[in-house]
Protein backbone atom coordinates (compact mmCIF):
# COMPACT_ATOMS: atom_id res chain seq x y z
CA UNK A 1 0.00 0.00 0.00
CA UNK A 2 1.30 3.47 -0.89
CA UNK A 3 2.20 5.60 2.15
CA UNK A 4 0.57 9.03 2.19
CA UNK A 5 1.91 12.18 3.83
CA UNK A 6 1.24 15.90 4.02
CA UNK A 7 4.17 18.29 4.42
CA UNK A 8 3.53 21.27 6.69
CA UNK A 9 6.01 24.12 6.21
CA UNK A 10 6.38 26.93 8.76
CA UNK A 11 8.23 30.02 7.49
CA UNK A 12 9.33 31.56 10.79
CA UNK A 13 11.32 34.56 11.98
CA UNK A 14 14.46 32.60 12.89
CA UNK A 15 14.10 29.47 10.77
CA UNK A 16 11.91 27.57 8.33
CA UNK A 17 10.71 24.17 9.51
CA UNK A 18 8.94 21.37 7.69
CA UNK A 19 7.27 18.25 9.05
CA UNK A 20 5.97 15.31 7.01
CA UNK A 21 2.86 13.91 8.69
CA UNK A 22 0.54 11.02 7.85
CA UNK A 23 -3.23 11.60 7.85
CA UNK A 24 -3.22 9.88 11.26
CA UNK A 25 -0.80 12.42 12.69
CA UNK A 26 2.37 10.31 12.72
CA UNK A 27 5.55 12.30 12.08
CA UNK A 28 7.53 10.68 9.27
CA UNK A 29 10.23 13.31 8.65
CA UNK A 30 11.24 16.79 9.69
CA UNK A 31 13.90 19.36 8.84
CA UNK A 32 14.69 22.98 9.62
CA UNK A 33 17.03 25.65 8.26
CA UNK A 34 18.09 28.68 10.31
CA UNK A 35 18.81 32.17 9.01
CA UNK A 36 19.83 35.48 10.60
CA UNK A 37 17.80 38.52 11.51
CA UNK A 38 19.45 41.56 9.96
CA UNK A 39 19.68 44.81 11.92
CA UNK A 40 21.15 47.53 9.67
CA UNK A 41 20.13 50.08 12.32
CA UNK A 42 18.95 49.73 15.96
CA UNK A 43 15.20 49.81 15.21
CA UNK A 44 15.38 47.63 12.09
CA UNK A 45 14.64 43.90 11.88
CA UNK A 46 14.93 42.51 8.35
CA UNK A 47 15.61 39.25 6.53
CA UNK A 48 16.90 38.31 3.10
CA UNK A 49 13.89 36.93 1.18
CA UNK A 50 16.09 34.94 -1.20
CA UNK A 51 17.72 33.23 1.77
CA UNK A 52 14.31 32.29 3.16
CA UNK A 53 13.16 31.03 -0.25
CA UNK A 54 16.16 28.69 -0.40
CA UNK A 55 15.38 27.49 3.14
CA UNK A 56 11.80 26.66 2.10
CA UNK A 57 12.98 24.67 -0.91
CA UNK A 58 15.56 22.84 1.22
CA UNK A 59 13.16 21.73 3.96
CA UNK A 60 10.56 20.47 1.46
CA UNK A 61 13.20 18.60 -0.50
CA UNK A 62 14.60 17.06 2.70
CA UNK A 63 11.20 15.88 3.98
CA UNK A 64 10.37 14.31 0.62
CA UNK A 65 13.73 12.53 0.51
CA UNK A 66 13.52 11.31 4.13
CA UNK A 67 9.99 10.00 3.57
CA UNK A 68 10.95 8.14 0.39
CA UNK A 69 13.90 6.52 2.17
CA UNK A 70 11.41 4.98 4.60
CA UNK A 71 8.94 4.04 1.86
CA UNK A 72 9.85 4.47 -1.81
CA UNK A 73 6.15 4.57 -2.77
CA UNK A 74 5.34 7.53 -0.52
CA UNK A 75 2.74 9.85 -2.03
CA UNK A 76 2.71 13.50 -1.00
CA UNK A 77 -0.96 14.49 -0.74
CA UNK A 78 -0.10 18.18 -0.35
CA UNK A 79 2.36 20.78 0.83
CA UNK A 80 0.79 23.38 3.09
CA UNK A 81 2.17 26.60 4.57
CA UNK A 82 2.33 28.46 7.83
CA UNK A 83 4.17 31.78 8.00
CA UNK A 84 5.06 34.53 10.41
CA UNK A 85 2.76 37.54 10.19
CA UNK A 86 3.32 41.20 9.31
CA UNK A 87 6.26 40.87 6.91
CA UNK A 88 6.56 43.41 4.08
CA UNK A 89 8.57 43.25 0.83
CA UNK A 90 8.44 45.80 -1.98
CA UNK A 91 8.81 44.23 -5.44
CA UNK A 92 9.95 46.25 -8.46
CA UNK A 93 8.72 46.19 -12.05
CA UNK A 94 11.25 43.48 -12.91
CA UNK A 95 9.93 41.16 -10.18
CA UNK A 96 13.01 41.54 -7.98
CA UNK A 97 12.80 42.68 -4.33
CA UNK A 98 13.44 46.37 -3.72
CA UNK A 99 13.75 45.74 0.01
CA UNK A 100 14.57 42.96 2.39
CA UNK A 101 11.63 41.36 4.15
CA UNK A 102 10.76 43.87 6.88
CA UNK A 103 9.62 41.70 9.81
CA UNK A 104 7.10 42.16 12.60
CA UNK A 105 9.97 43.06 14.96
CA UNK A 106 10.99 46.13 12.94
CA UNK A 107 10.16 49.26 14.96
CA UNK A 108 11.00 52.05 12.51
CA UNK A 109 7.31 52.81 11.91
CA UNK A 110 6.66 53.58 15.59
CA UNK A 111 6.07 57.37 15.22
CA UNK A 112 3.72 56.76 12.31
CA UNK A 113 1.77 54.11 14.21
CA UNK A 114 1.17 56.73 16.90
CA UNK A 115 -0.12 59.19 14.31
CA UNK A 116 -2.43 56.58 12.78
CA UNK A 117 -3.79 55.78 16.22
CA UNK A 118 -4.09 59.36 17.49
CA UNK A 119 -4.74 61.49 14.39
CA UNK A 120 -6.02 59.32 11.53
CA UNK A 121 -8.90 57.39 13.09
CA UNK A 122 -6.80 54.33 13.81
CA UNK A 123 -9.48 52.70 15.97
CA UNK A 124 -11.94 52.70 13.07
CA UNK A 125 -9.30 51.13 10.80
CA UNK A 126 -8.65 48.48 13.44
CA UNK A 127 -12.36 47.70 13.80
CA UNK A 128 -12.57 47.05 10.05
CA UNK A 129 -9.30 45.16 9.67
CA UNK A 130 -8.73 43.37 13.00
CA UNK A 131 -5.04 44.31 13.17
CA UNK A 132 -4.13 46.56 16.12
CA UNK A 133 -2.35 49.80 15.24
CA UNK A 134 1.32 49.10 15.94
CA UNK A 135 4.72 49.37 14.19
CA UNK A 136 4.58 45.61 13.47
CA UNK A 137 1.68 46.12 11.05
CA UNK A 138 2.34 46.39 7.29
CA UNK A 139 -0.11 49.32 7.31
CA UNK A 140 2.17 51.27 9.67
CA UNK A 141 5.28 50.23 7.70
CA UNK A 142 3.73 51.48 4.45
CA UNK A 143 2.74 54.81 6.03
CA UNK A 144 6.35 55.15 7.24
CA UNK A 145 7.72 54.40 3.76
CA UNK A 146 5.20 56.72 2.11
CA UNK A 147 6.30 59.66 4.25
CA UNK A 148 10.00 58.93 4.77
CA UNK A 149 11.02 56.99 1.63
CA UNK A 150 8.45 58.01 -1.01
CA UNK A 151 10.79 57.41 -3.95
CA UNK A 152 11.31 53.80 -2.86
CA UNK A 153 7.58 53.16 -2.41
CA UNK A 154 6.88 54.74 -5.80
CA UNK A 155 9.03 52.05 -7.47
CA UNK A 156 6.98 49.21 -6.00
CA UNK A 157 4.93 47.25 -8.51
CA UNK A 158 3.91 44.69 -5.87
CA UNK A 159 3.59 44.87 -2.08
CA UNK A 160 3.77 41.38 -0.53
CA UNK A 161 4.82 39.32 2.47
CA UNK A 162 7.36 36.51 2.68
CA UNK A 163 4.92 33.65 1.99
CA UNK A 164 3.57 35.40 -1.10
CA UNK A 165 7.14 35.91 -2.32
CA UNK A 166 7.80 32.17 -1.98
CA UNK A 167 4.55 31.15 -3.68
CA UNK A 168 5.25 33.50 -6.60
CA UNK A 169 8.61 31.81 -7.13
CA UNK A 170 6.88 28.42 -7.15
CA UNK A 171 3.84 29.20 -9.28
CA UNK A 172 4.25 32.66 -10.81
CA UNK A 173 1.07 33.94 -9.12
CA UNK A 174 0.65 36.77 -6.62
CA UNK A 175 -1.88 35.35 -4.13
CA UNK A 176 -2.33 35.73 -0.36
CA UNK A 177 -4.41 33.68 2.03
CA UNK A 178 -7.14 35.40 4.05
CA UNK A 179 -5.24 34.69 7.28
CA UNK A 180 -2.00 36.47 6.34
CA UNK A 181 -4.07 39.24 4.70
CA UNK A 182 -6.06 39.72 7.91
CA UNK A 183 -2.80 40.46 9.75
CA UNK A 184 -1.75 43.32 7.43
CA UNK A 185 -4.07 46.07 8.70
CA UNK A 186 -5.14 46.47 5.06
CA UNK A 187 -7.84 43.77 4.81
CA UNK A 188 -11.54 44.25 5.53
CA UNK A 189 -12.72 41.32 7.65
CA UNK A 190 -16.37 41.56 6.66
CA UNK A 191 -15.79 41.99 2.91
CA UNK A 192 -12.81 39.59 2.76
CA UNK A 193 -11.10 42.06 0.47
CA UNK A 194 -8.66 44.96 0.68
CA UNK A 195 -9.94 47.93 2.69
CA UNK A 196 -10.17 51.13 0.63
CA UNK A 197 -9.60 53.48 3.59
CA UNK A 198 -6.51 51.63 4.79
CA UNK A 199 -5.05 51.53 1.27
CA UNK A 200 -5.57 55.27 0.85
CA UNK A 201 -3.72 55.94 4.10
CA UNK A 202 -0.91 53.58 3.06
CA UNK A 203 -0.55 55.25 -0.33
CA UNK A 204 -1.01 52.11 -2.43
CA UNK A 205 -3.80 50.54 -4.47
CA UNK A 206 -5.31 47.07 -4.59
CA UNK A 207 -3.60 46.18 -7.88
CA UNK A 208 -0.25 46.25 -6.08
CA UNK A 209 -1.42 43.66 -3.56
CA UNK A 210 -1.79 39.89 -4.05
CA UNK A 211 -5.24 38.44 -4.79
CA UNK A 212 -6.87 37.25 -1.52
CA UNK A 213 -7.86 33.56 -1.42
CA UNK A 214 -9.27 31.22 1.26
CA UNK A 215 -6.68 29.49 3.45
CA UNK A 216 -7.68 26.14 1.92
CA UNK A 217 -7.04 27.31 -1.66
CA UNK A 218 -4.56 25.08 -3.50
CA UNK A 219 -2.10 25.93 -6.27
CA UNK A 220 -1.07 23.26 -8.76
CA UNK A 221 1.30 23.06 -11.70
CA UNK A 222 4.88 23.30 -10.44
CA UNK A 223 7.35 24.06 -13.24
CA UNK A 224 9.12 20.87 -14.29
CA UNK A 225 12.55 22.03 -13.07
CA UNK A 226 11.23 22.92 -9.59
CA UNK A 227 9.19 19.72 -9.36
CA UNK A 228 12.32 17.71 -10.14
CA UNK A 229 14.38 19.68 -7.61
CA UNK A 230 11.84 19.05 -4.85
CA UNK A 231 11.20 15.44 -5.81
CA UNK A 232 7.46 16.05 -6.29
CA UNK A 233 4.99 15.44 -9.11
CA UNK A 234 4.17 18.71 -10.87
CA UNK A 235 0.47 18.39 -9.98
CA UNK A 236 1.11 18.17 -6.20
CA UNK A 237 -1.31 20.63 -4.55
CA UNK A 238 0.31 23.44 -2.56
CA UNK A 239 -2.27 24.72 -0.05
CA UNK A 240 -1.88 28.40 0.83
CA UNK A 241 -2.39 27.74 4.53
CA UNK A 242 -2.51 30.49 7.15
CA UNK A 243 -0.44 32.49 9.59
CA UNK A 244 1.59 30.75 12.27
CA UNK A 245 -0.50 32.00 15.19
CA UNK A 246 -3.87 30.64 14.08
CA UNK A 247 -2.29 27.40 12.88
CA UNK A 248 -0.63 26.94 16.25
CA UNK A 249 -4.11 26.99 17.83
CA UNK A 250 -5.20 24.30 15.39
CA UNK A 251 -2.01 22.31 15.93
CA UNK A 252 -2.52 22.09 19.71
CA UNK A 253 -6.26 21.36 19.35
CA UNK A 254 -7.36 24.64 20.93
CA UNK A 255 -10.29 25.28 18.61
CA UNK A 256 -13.25 24.43 20.86
CA UNK A 257 -15.17 27.23 22.68
CA UNK A 258 -13.51 28.25 25.95
CA UNK A 259 -10.10 26.81 25.09
CA UNK A 260 -7.21 29.27 25.02
CA UNK A 261 -3.79 28.61 23.55
CA UNK A 262 -0.91 30.37 25.31
CA UNK A 263 2.50 30.20 23.70
CA UNK A 264 5.75 31.45 25.21
CA UNK A 265 8.78 31.22 22.99
CA UNK A 266 11.10 34.19 22.61
CA UNK A 267 7.95 36.29 22.59
CA UNK A 268 4.46 35.05 23.47
CA UNK A 269 0.78 35.08 22.56
CA UNK A 270 -2.70 34.20 23.75
CA UNK A 271 -5.37 33.09 21.28
CA UNK A 272 -8.87 31.59 21.20
CA UNK A 273 -11.18 30.61 18.34
CA UNK A 274 -14.55 32.21 17.55
CA UNK A 275 -16.99 31.59 14.69
CA UNK A 276 -17.02 35.05 13.10
CA UNK A 277 -14.85 38.18 12.97
CA UNK A 278 -14.91 39.94 16.36
CA UNK A 279 -12.91 43.01 17.41
CA UNK A 280 -12.43 44.83 20.71
CA UNK A 281 -14.01 48.29 21.18
CA UNK A 282 -10.72 49.47 22.72
CA UNK A 283 -8.47 47.98 20.04
CA UNK A 284 -6.62 45.63 22.40
CA UNK A 285 -6.96 42.29 20.58
CA UNK A 286 -6.31 41.03 17.07
CA UNK A 287 -8.76 39.07 14.93
CA UNK A 288 -7.24 36.86 12.23
CA UNK A 289 -8.80 34.33 9.85
CA UNK A 290 -8.29 30.57 10.04
CA UNK A 291 -11.21 29.54 7.83
CA UNK A 292 -14.47 31.28 6.92
CA UNK A 293 -16.01 29.69 10.05
CA UNK A 294 -12.99 29.89 12.35
CA UNK A 295 -11.49 33.21 13.46
CA UNK A 296 -8.78 33.64 16.05
CA UNK A 297 -8.96 36.41 18.66
CA UNK A 298 -6.02 37.16 20.93
CA UNK A 299 -2.98 39.23 21.65
CA UNK A 300 0.81 38.91 21.27
CA UNK A 301 3.52 40.01 23.70
CA UNK A 302 7.10 40.94 22.86
CA UNK A 303 8.48 39.72 26.15
CA UNK A 304 8.41 35.98 26.72
CA UNK A 305 11.42 33.68 26.93
CA UNK A 306 13.65 36.57 25.95
CA UNK A 307 13.25 37.75 29.56
CA UNK A 308 14.59 34.47 30.90
CA UNK A 309 17.58 34.80 28.57
CA UNK A 310 18.19 38.33 29.88
CA UNK A 311 17.97 37.12 33.48
CA UNK A 312 20.40 34.31 32.66
CA UNK A 313 22.92 36.64 31.07
CA UNK A 314 22.67 39.62 33.44
CA UNK A 315 21.80 38.11 36.82
CA UNK A 316 23.11 34.57 36.79
CA UNK A 317 26.34 34.52 34.80
CA UNK A 318 28.21 32.61 37.53
CA UNK A 319 25.43 30.05 37.95
CA UNK A 320 25.24 29.64 34.18
CA UNK A 321 28.96 28.88 33.89
CA UNK A 322 28.73 26.35 36.72
CA UNK A 323 25.74 24.70 35.07
CA UNK A 324 27.61 24.39 31.77
CA UNK A 325 30.58 22.76 33.48
CA UNK A 326 28.27 20.25 35.16
CA UNK A 327 26.31 19.60 31.97
CA UNK A 328 23.09 21.06 33.40
CA UNK A 329 20.69 23.28 31.44
CA UNK A 330 21.27 26.85 32.73
CA UNK A 331 17.53 27.53 32.58
CA UNK A 332 16.91 24.60 34.91
CA UNK A 333 19.31 26.23 37.36
CA UNK A 334 17.32 29.48 37.17
CA UNK A 335 14.05 27.76 37.93
CA UNK A 336 15.65 25.94 40.87
CA UNK A 337 16.77 29.30 42.25
CA UNK A 338 13.27 30.73 41.76
CA UNK A 339 11.72 27.77 43.59
CA UNK A 340 13.47 28.89 46.80
CA UNK A 341 10.97 31.76 46.98
CA UNK A 342 7.24 31.49 47.58
CA UNK A 343 4.59 32.62 45.09
CA UNK A 344 4.50 36.41 44.75
CA UNK A 345 8.26 36.81 45.42
CA UNK A 346 7.45 38.40 48.79
CA UNK A 347 5.82 41.41 47.15
CA UNK A 348 8.32 42.02 44.34
CA UNK A 349 6.79 42.69 40.90
CA UNK A 350 8.58 42.82 37.56
CA UNK A 351 7.15 44.45 34.44
CA UNK A 352 8.98 42.73 31.54
CA UNK A 353 8.70 45.52 28.99
CA UNK A 354 12.33 45.30 27.87
CA UNK A 355 11.28 45.42 24.20
CA UNK A 356 8.27 47.74 24.52
CA UNK A 357 4.99 45.85 24.42
CA UNK A 358 2.19 44.84 22.18
CA UNK A 359 -1.06 43.49 23.71
CA UNK A 360 -2.89 44.80 25.57
CA UNK A 361 -1.03 48.16 25.62
CA UNK A 362 0.26 48.41 22.01
CA UNK A 363 2.94 50.86 23.09
CA UNK A 364 6.56 50.52 21.95
CA UNK A 365 7.62 53.06 24.60
CA UNK A 366 6.92 50.88 27.64
CA UNK A 367 10.01 49.98 29.65
CA UNK A 368 10.77 47.26 32.21
CA UNK A 369 10.98 47.76 35.95
CA UNK A 370 11.07 46.06 39.34
CA UNK A 371 8.42 47.41 41.72
CA UNK A 372 8.32 46.88 45.46
CA UNK A 373 12.05 46.15 45.83
CA UNK A 374 13.19 46.03 49.46
CA UNK A 375 16.28 45.16 51.48
CA UNK A 376 14.85 41.70 52.15
CA UNK A 377 14.86 40.84 48.45
CA UNK A 378 17.76 38.94 46.91
CA UNK A 379 18.70 37.55 43.53
CA UNK A 380 16.33 34.64 43.95
CA UNK A 381 13.38 37.03 44.45
CA UNK A 382 14.32 38.96 41.32
CA UNK A 383 14.52 35.78 39.24
CA UNK A 384 11.16 34.57 40.59
CA UNK A 385 9.57 37.99 39.99
CA UNK A 386 10.86 38.00 36.40
CA UNK A 387 9.30 34.61 35.69
CA UNK A 388 6.05 35.69 37.30
CA UNK A 389 6.15 38.98 35.40
CA UNK A 390 6.01 37.18 32.06
CA UNK A 391 2.91 35.25 33.22
CA UNK A 392 1.28 38.36 34.76
CA UNK A 393 1.89 40.17 31.49
CA UNK A 394 0.13 37.46 29.49
CA UNK A 395 -2.67 37.40 32.05
CA UNK A 396 -3.20 41.09 31.31
CA UNK A 397 -4.50 40.10 27.86
CA UNK A 398 -7.14 37.73 29.25
CA UNK A 399 -9.81 40.34 30.18
CA UNK A 400 -9.69 41.80 26.66
CA UNK A 401 -9.87 38.35 25.04
CA UNK A 402 -12.76 37.26 27.25
CA UNK A 403 -14.61 40.54 26.65
CA UNK A 404 -14.62 39.64 22.95
CA UNK A 405 -14.77 35.84 22.95
CA UNK A 406 -16.41 34.87 26.25
CA UNK A 407 -15.23 33.08 29.38
CA UNK A 408 -12.27 30.72 29.07
CA UNK A 409 -12.10 27.42 30.93
CA UNK A 410 -8.81 25.77 29.99
CA UNK A 411 -5.38 26.76 28.71
CA UNK A 412 -3.34 24.78 26.20
CA UNK A 413 0.24 25.89 26.91
CA UNK A 414 3.05 25.52 24.39
CA UNK A 415 6.52 26.86 23.68
CA UNK A 416 9.87 26.45 25.36
CA UNK A 417 8.55 27.57 28.75
CA UNK A 418 6.25 24.53 28.86
CA UNK A 419 9.28 22.36 29.65
CA UNK A 420 9.40 23.97 33.11
CA UNK A 421 7.07 22.50 35.76
CA UNK A 422 7.47 25.71 37.79
CA UNK A 423 6.33 27.96 34.94
CA UNK A 424 3.43 25.64 34.05
CA UNK A 425 2.14 25.65 37.63
CA UNK A 426 2.72 29.39 37.87
CA UNK A 427 0.47 29.87 34.84
CA UNK A 428 -2.27 27.70 36.36
CA UNK A 429 -2.12 29.73 39.58
CA UNK A 430 -1.97 33.20 38.00
CA UNK A 431 -4.76 32.45 35.51
CA UNK A 432 -6.71 30.30 37.99
CA UNK A 433 -7.39 27.87 35.13
CA UNK A 434 -6.46 24.29 34.30
CA UNK A 435 -3.30 24.20 32.18
CA UNK A 436 -2.68 21.36 29.74
CA UNK A 437 0.49 20.93 27.69
CA UNK A 438 -0.35 19.22 24.39
CA UNK A 439 1.89 16.56 22.90
CA UNK A 440 2.34 18.27 19.56
CA UNK A 441 5.38 18.31 17.30
CA UNK A 442 5.80 21.76 15.71
CA UNK A 443 2.21 22.88 16.18
CA UNK A 444 2.13 25.38 13.29
CA UNK A 445 3.40 22.72 10.85
CA UNK A 446 0.81 20.25 12.15
CA UNK A 447 -1.88 22.92 11.87
CA UNK A 448 -0.90 23.58 8.25
CA UNK A 449 -1.06 19.86 7.47
CA UNK A 450 -4.49 19.45 9.09
CA UNK A 451 -5.80 22.49 7.21
CA UNK A 452 -4.63 20.89 3.96
CA UNK A 453 -6.30 17.56 4.79
CA UNK A 454 -9.54 19.43 5.50
CA UNK A 455 -9.32 21.71 2.47
CA UNK A 456 -8.62 18.88 0.03
CA UNK A 457 -11.38 16.63 1.37
CA UNK A 458 -9.18 14.10 3.17
CA UNK A 459 -10.77 15.09 6.52
CA UNK A 460 -14.39 15.95 7.29
CA UNK A 461 -13.53 18.74 9.74
CA UNK A 462 -10.66 20.40 11.56
CA UNK A 463 -11.60 18.39 14.64
CA UNK A 464 -9.56 15.45 13.31
CA UNK A 465 -6.64 17.14 15.02
CA UNK A 466 -8.00 15.87 18.35
CA UNK A 467 -6.90 12.35 17.39
CA UNK A 468 -3.39 13.59 16.59
CA UNK A 469 -2.64 15.57 19.76
CA UNK A 470 -2.21 14.01 23.19
CA UNK A 471 -1.27 15.66 26.50
CA UNK A 472 2.05 15.51 28.34
CA UNK A 473 1.38 17.57 31.48
CA UNK A 474 -1.68 18.84 33.32
CA UNK A 475 -1.79 21.36 36.18
CA UNK A 476 -4.66 22.60 38.35
CA UNK A 477 -4.54 25.84 40.37
CA UNK A 478 -3.23 25.68 43.95
CA UNK A 479 -5.60 27.74 46.17
CA UNK A 480 -2.90 29.30 48.38
CA UNK A 481 -0.88 30.54 45.41
CA UNK A 482 -4.03 31.71 43.64
CA UNK A 483 -4.90 33.89 46.65
CA UNK A 484 -1.44 35.47 46.69
CA UNK A 485 -1.52 36.21 42.97
CA UNK A 486 -5.07 37.58 43.17
CA UNK A 487 -3.80 40.16 45.68
CA UNK A 488 -0.93 41.21 43.41
CA UNK A 489 -2.66 41.24 40.01
CA UNK A 490 -4.55 44.54 40.51
CA UNK A 491 -1.31 46.28 41.52
CA UNK A 492 0.58 44.80 38.58
CA UNK A 493 -2.07 45.72 36.03
CA UNK A 494 -2.62 49.27 37.29
CA UNK A 495 1.00 50.43 37.07
CA UNK A 496 1.39 50.65 33.25
CA UNK A 497 -1.65 52.93 33.05
CA UNK A 498 -0.43 55.16 35.88
CA UNK A 499 3.07 55.43 34.43
CA UNK A 500 2.06 56.18 30.83
CA UNK A 501 3.66 59.65 30.77
CA UNK A 502 6.76 58.46 32.57
CA UNK A 503 7.24 55.62 30.07
CA UNK A 504 6.96 58.12 27.24
CA UNK A 505 9.51 60.44 28.85
CA UNK A 506 12.08 57.76 29.66
CA UNK A 507 11.79 56.25 26.16
CA UNK A 508 12.42 59.68 24.63
CA UNK A 509 15.44 60.18 26.90
CA UNK A 510 16.86 56.78 25.94
CA UNK A 511 16.36 57.57 22.26
CA UNK A 512 18.30 60.83 22.61
CA UNK A 513 21.16 59.01 24.32
CA UNK A 514 21.16 56.33 21.61
CA UNK A 515 21.12 58.91 18.81
CA UNK A 516 23.98 60.83 20.41
CA UNK A 517 26.07 57.65 20.72
CA UNK A 518 25.32 56.68 17.12
CA UNK A 519 26.28 60.12 15.81
CA UNK A 520 29.52 60.20 17.79
CA UNK A 521 30.56 56.81 16.38
CA UNK A 522 30.12 57.89 12.75
């Protein structure tokens, strides 16, 4: 019998991954290729689109080859895509990129995002498009380019993201799935088409943008040379797929009402699924498409595991070196130190805004701080407070998500932090919810594969994912810790609002210092 697989490809910010999965959810092969984030100036965060294209081709080719080594008769039912959101590439008349891929982490549009929000009816644009007004958004990036680099924008024949760039290389078509489109700030959620008001503000027209298609739309007809390079028949369907956030929800089986997916990698996010486009009256949450009947509401944070890395490097250098000599994971050492302190770190709070913040504040000027520091606090309290601060910060999104999507009952937790029993229990206690860690290999890749199975008629519904995803850990809230965190949460959540002007002032001061240092070095 011929073996059948689907290849899910996730085009991420630091690497592209691919996983070959059977229709029963068994992982047959996987491969990933890393690439750098380019920072030509302090606020920039770019990538070379050609480098990413080669990574995509390499991971597909590798998964096909690995699968055929196990079974020479393997049939690839489809290749399906996940991709990071908010990337922007300008393409010239000759089809070549005029820019690198400007990623979600690029902050150069920050002043223009403020103007959109404060002067140009940004809330109304958000309510139509579902993308919060923030420098990450392609809308804000285009406004920045329109006003600061108009000659460059004027040369653009096409305005696309990284997935659309890859698909054009494969099939010669400029198309975008509804999910990626819904994360641009340019796409009307109700009309499922480009939003005229947003395009006018951005200074572009719809003919420059890819044609929007459902996430289950498939492209066929690979050029013979590419098909041979990848080891695939030319008629293999390539399903457009969706963005990595919504596919992660699908990949961890967090698509039922009341189930919330919380991911903490370098950054973090909280997401839940609803049955129609829903936005927040205050503009705090995003709303992105998965399918016509599945929409994902939630919020991202900049400051997740990156905080633990900062704590490791700046507070625990000696412990880290000792751990390396003993062959122990330095992060395990940090959690052991944090476990010496009770929940609440004896009244020490940490706001982890080291990289500004997105949800629920959407303010790049926020800065980190310890609050409540006393003589009785030591390094172990600061480490514990930092870990708790990441969870408190994510908890701050929950009221906005529940205001839009209804009461949550369970959390599916994923990402590197889920390896830590301390952090998992901390999340259960702060959120006062059951926390389950799904057994899912590369959830966005799995989500892309399941979406392809559904879109091509190999699965009756997205719910087939339930048979593919088990659970590895489960935590219930501990009443004593819940009580301590309940006392601290109002204090934690009130401080960013009270310090809004001070954040703005200190960010401006830091920018002046940075500019002065940059000028003196030139």
